[in-house]
Protein backbone atom coordinates (compact mmCIF):
# COMPACT_ATOMS: atom_id res chain seq x y z
CA MET A 1 6.18 -8.96 -14.93
CA GLY A 2 5.83 -11.64 -12.27
CA ARG A 3 4.87 -10.46 -8.80
CA ALA A 4 5.57 -11.35 -5.17
CA ASN A 5 5.10 -9.65 -1.82
CA ALA A 6 5.98 -9.10 1.86
CA LYS A 7 3.17 -6.63 1.85
CA SER A 8 0.56 -4.99 3.97
CA SER A 9 -1.27 -1.74 3.54
CA ARG A 10 0.58 1.17 5.04
CA PRO A 11 -1.53 3.54 7.14
CA ALA A 12 -1.53 7.20 6.25
CA TYR A 13 0.37 9.80 8.29
CA ASP A 14 -1.23 13.17 7.58
CA TRP A 15 1.64 15.63 8.00
CA LEU A 16 -0.38 18.28 6.16
CA ARG A 17 -2.72 18.57 9.14
CA GLU A 18 0.22 19.66 11.27
CA LEU A 19 0.96 22.67 9.06
CA ASP A 20 -0.66 26.03 9.64
CA PRO A 21 -3.45 26.98 7.18
CA ALA A 22 -1.20 29.25 5.09
CA ALA A 23 1.35 26.47 4.58
CA ARG A 24 -1.35 23.94 3.72
CA ASP A 25 -2.85 26.29 1.15
CA ARG A 26 0.58 26.85 -0.41
CA VAL A 27 1.29 23.11 -0.60
CA SER A 28 -2.07 22.58 -2.28
CA ALA A 29 -1.49 25.42 -4.75
CA LEU A 30 1.97 24.15 -5.73
CA SER A 31 0.97 20.49 -6.11
CA VAL A 32 0.10 18.97 -9.47
CA VAL A 33 -2.75 16.45 -9.36
CA ARG A 34 -2.82 13.71 -11.97
CA ARG A 35 -4.88 10.57 -12.57
CA PHE A 36 -2.87 7.38 -13.18
CA ALA A 37 -4.16 4.34 -15.03
CA ASP A 38 -3.94 0.86 -13.54
CA ARG A 39 -0.29 -0.34 -13.42
CA GLU A 40 1.01 3.07 -14.58
CA ILE A 41 4.40 3.91 -13.07
CA VAL A 42 4.64 6.91 -10.73
CA PHE A 43 8.42 6.63 -10.35
CA GLU A 44 10.97 3.84 -10.69
CA ALA A 45 13.81 2.73 -8.43
CA GLY A 46 16.99 4.58 -9.37
CA GLN A 47 15.11 7.59 -10.69
CA PRO A 48 16.30 10.97 -9.29
CA CYS A 49 14.36 12.43 -6.38
CA ASP A 50 11.41 14.44 -7.60
CA GLY A 51 9.57 15.69 -4.50
CA LEU A 52 6.61 14.33 -2.54
CA HIS A 53 3.62 12.35 -3.75
CA VAL A 54 0.29 11.96 -1.95
CA VAL A 55 -2.39 9.40 -2.78
CA ARG A 56 -5.70 11.24 -3.21
CA GLU A 57 -7.83 8.36 -4.49
CA GLY A 58 -7.27 4.67 -5.15
CA LEU A 59 -4.25 2.58 -4.20
CA VAL A 60 -0.55 2.82 -4.99
CA ALA A 61 1.91 -0.07 -4.71
CA CYS A 62 5.54 0.41 -3.66
CA GLY A 63 8.06 -2.29 -4.41
CA ALA A 64 10.99 -3.45 -6.48
CA THR A 65 11.67 -5.58 -9.54
CA SER A 66 14.21 -8.39 -9.72
CA PRO A 67 16.60 -8.81 -12.69
CA GLU A 68 14.26 -11.58 -13.87
CA GLY A 69 11.36 -9.12 -13.97
CA LYS A 70 9.59 -10.36 -10.86
CA GLU A 71 7.85 -7.67 -8.82
CA PHE A 72 8.08 -7.60 -5.05
CA ILE A 73 5.40 -5.40 -3.47
CA HIS A 74 6.47 -4.01 -0.10
CA PHE A 75 3.13 -2.41 0.71
CA LEU A 76 0.03 -0.75 -0.67
CA LEU A 77 -0.57 2.94 0.00
CA LEU A 78 -4.03 4.12 0.97
CA PRO A 79 -5.61 7.52 0.21
CA GLY A 80 -3.95 10.24 2.28
CA THR A 81 -0.57 8.51 2.32
CA THR A 82 2.59 10.42 1.34
CA PHE A 83 5.38 8.57 -0.47
CA GLY A 84 8.80 9.48 -1.83
CA ALA A 85 9.81 11.29 1.36
CA PRO A 86 13.19 9.56 1.96
CA SER A 87 14.52 10.61 -1.45
CA ALA A 88 13.01 14.07 -1.12
CA ILE A 89 14.93 14.55 2.13
CA ASP A 90 18.35 13.05 1.31
CA ARG A 91 18.23 13.98 -2.41
CA ARG A 92 19.28 10.47 -3.41
CA PRO A 93 17.50 8.38 -6.07
CA HIS A 94 14.36 6.45 -5.22
CA PHE A 95 15.14 3.01 -3.80
CA LEU A 96 11.66 1.62 -4.55
CA SER A 97 9.38 1.83 -7.55
CA SER A 98 5.74 2.87 -7.26
CA TRP A 99 2.75 2.31 -9.53
CA ALA A 100 -1.04 2.60 -9.47
CA GLU A 101 -2.95 -0.49 -8.34
CA GLY A 102 -6.10 0.25 -10.26
CA GLU A 103 -6.87 3.81 -11.26
CA ALA A 104 -5.42 6.32 -8.78
CA LEU A 105 -5.40 10.08 -8.26
CA ILE A 106 -2.02 11.37 -7.03
CA ALA A 107 -0.85 14.85 -6.01
CA HIS A 108 2.81 15.68 -6.69
CA LEU A 109 4.76 18.45 -4.94
CA PRO A 110 7.90 19.03 -7.08
CA GLN A 111 11.29 18.97 -5.36
CA SER A 112 12.05 22.62 -6.20
CA GLU A 113 8.80 23.75 -4.57
CA LEU A 114 9.40 21.49 -1.57
CA ASP A 115 12.87 23.02 -1.07
CA ARG A 116 11.35 26.50 -0.99
CA LEU A 117 8.71 25.38 1.51
CA LEU A 118 11.39 23.86 3.74
CA ALA A 119 13.24 27.18 3.74
CA ASP A 120 10.09 29.10 4.64
CA TRP A 121 8.64 26.59 7.14
CA PRO A 122 11.47 24.79 9.03
CA LYS A 123 8.83 22.81 10.96
CA LEU A 124 8.14 20.91 7.75
CA ALA A 125 11.53 19.15 8.00
CA MET A 126 10.55 17.56 11.33
CA LEU A 127 7.14 16.53 9.98
CA LEU A 128 8.78 14.80 7.03
CA ALA A 129 11.28 13.13 9.38
CA GLN A 130 8.30 11.75 11.31
CA GLN A 131 6.86 10.53 8.02
CA VAL A 132 10.05 8.59 7.28
CA CYS A 133 10.17 7.19 10.82
CA GLN A 134 6.64 5.86 10.39
CA GLU A 135 7.62 4.23 7.11
CA TYR A 136 10.55 2.41 8.70
CA ARG A 137 8.52 1.27 11.71
CA PHE A 138 5.84 -0.10 9.44
CA ALA A 139 8.35 -1.75 7.11
CA TYR A 140 10.04 -3.61 9.97
CA ALA A 141 6.69 -4.71 11.42
CA ALA A 142 5.56 -5.99 8.02
CA LEU A 143 8.85 -7.84 7.51
CA GLU A 144 8.61 -9.49 10.92
CA GLY A 145 5.07 -10.64 10.21
CA HIS A 146 6.10 -12.01 6.82
CA ILE A 147 9.04 -13.98 8.18
CA MET A 148 7.47 -15.40 11.35
CA ALA A 149 3.85 -16.17 10.38
CA ASP A 150 2.69 -19.26 8.50
CA LEU A 151 1.00 -18.84 5.13
CA PRO A 152 -2.62 -19.35 6.34
CA VAL A 153 -2.06 -16.71 9.03
CA ARG A 154 -0.58 -14.19 6.56
CA MET A 155 -3.30 -14.94 4.04
CA ALA A 156 -6.09 -14.49 6.58
CA ARG A 157 -4.62 -11.19 7.77
CA MET A 158 -4.28 -9.93 4.21
CA LEU A 159 -7.86 -10.82 3.27
CA ILE A 160 -9.29 -9.32 6.47
CA PHE A 161 -7.44 -6.05 6.07
CA SER A 162 -8.10 -5.83 2.33
CA ALA A 163 -11.81 -6.58 2.71
CA ARG A 164 -12.22 -4.01 5.46
CA THR A 165 -10.10 -1.37 3.72
CA TYR A 166 -11.30 -1.43 0.12
CA GLY A 167 -13.92 -4.16 -0.06
CA HIS A 168 -17.66 -3.60 0.28
CA THR A 169 -20.44 -5.24 2.25
CA THR A 170 -22.95 -7.36 0.34
CA ALA A 171 -26.68 -7.57 1.06
CA SER A 172 -26.04 -10.71 3.13
CA GLY A 173 -23.45 -8.94 5.29
CA SER A 174 -20.41 -10.64 3.72
CA LEU A 175 -17.31 -8.65 2.74
CA GLU A 176 -16.52 -8.72 -0.97
CA LEU A 177 -13.37 -7.57 -2.72
CA THR A 178 -11.96 -7.77 -6.22
CA PHE A 179 -8.98 -10.06 -5.80
CA THR A 180 -7.78 -12.83 -8.09
CA GLN A 181 -5.94 -15.85 -6.69
CA GLU A 182 -2.97 -14.77 -8.76
CA ARG A 183 -2.93 -11.37 -7.07
CA VAL A 184 -3.12 -13.00 -3.64
CA SER A 185 -0.15 -15.21 -4.52
CA HIS A 186 1.83 -12.19 -5.75
CA HIS A 187 1.11 -10.26 -2.60
CA LEU A 188 2.23 -13.10 -0.35
CA GLY A 189 5.22 -14.24 -2.38
CA VAL A 190 3.98 -17.82 -2.81
CA SER A 191 2.73 -19.98 -5.66
CA ARG A 192 -0.83 -19.75 -6.93
CA GLN A 193 -1.22 -23.45 -6.15
CA SER A 194 -0.50 -22.81 -2.46
CA VAL A 195 -3.12 -20.06 -2.38
CA ALA A 196 -5.65 -22.22 -4.23
CA LYS A 197 -5.18 -25.07 -1.74
CA ILE A 198 -5.90 -22.84 1.27
CA LEU A 199 -8.84 -21.13 -0.42
CA ARG A 200 -10.27 -24.53 -1.30
CA GLU A 201 -10.16 -25.58 2.35
CA TRP A 202 -11.72 -22.30 3.47
CA ARG A 203 -14.38 -22.58 0.78
CA GLN A 204 -15.27 -26.09 1.97
CA ASN A 205 -15.69 -24.67 5.48
CA ALA A 206 -17.93 -21.89 4.07
CA TRP A 207 -15.52 -19.22 5.31
CA VAL A 208 -14.99 -17.69 1.86
CA GLN A 209 -16.57 -17.82 -1.54
CA THR A 210 -14.48 -17.44 -4.68
CA GLU A 211 -15.39 -16.54 -8.23
CA TYR A 212 -13.28 -15.28 -11.11
CA GLY A 213 -11.69 -12.03 -9.96
CA ARG A 214 -13.63 -11.97 -6.70
CA VAL A 215 -13.26 -13.19 -3.13
CA VAL A 216 -16.14 -12.95 -0.62
CA VAL A 217 -15.33 -13.29 3.08
CA ARG A 218 -18.39 -15.05 4.50
CA ASP A 219 -17.11 -15.82 7.99
CA LEU A 220 -14.91 -12.99 9.21
CA GLU A 221 -14.64 -14.45 12.71
CA ALA A 222 -13.23 -17.72 11.37
CA LEU A 223 -10.50 -15.83 9.52
CA ARG A 224 -9.85 -13.73 12.61
CA GLY A 225 -9.27 -16.94 14.53
CA ILE A 226 -6.73 -18.12 11.95
CA ALA A 227 -5.06 -14.72 11.88
CA GLY A 228 -4.85 -14.57 15.67
CA LEU A 229 -6.66 -11.23 15.74
CA MET A 230 -8.97 -10.04 18.46
CA ARG A 231 -12.38 -8.65 17.51
């Protein structure tokens, strides 16, 4: 499937920390942990609600697919992030699809077990409501940034965040991440040619280095300047 994006990485809200130890232990005991392969579907839009999911390891993408088969990634979910909460609360089908971006370990609390926990711990309903509120705040902020910022700004912000979040530091102090130009174009909802043009300019300025399947951020401060971010 083709891919596009208005994406950023959504920070984790750890509602489990707000539960008392007995409730946390029960959630852990009732959850099923499973490893997903790269691109494996967790749930699809339109699928009935099935409880809560928590990213344990790796990354999970949430998005939608157009009738033409083009993916639109809304955001990436980091370890510790819960997803599927809106459907778990209102019992309506999922309105987004989710899949593993690379191998991922995901814990699943089935809807039937969640319903019993809600009956036993009413506080959990408010914690999940806060989870949904965070999702909507983040979604609106990401949408605003996507609409109002120029492509170089969005691209710089994406590379900075991605490098700092799941990249690694090289011996020379640069930030390296596994990211193809095609993936960058999918994440930003633009053509690969547009991405290649900007990367070529940045490469000429020695701000980044690109190889097949790899982007190295060599001058983080230069990208910060483009992105309009403070140190």
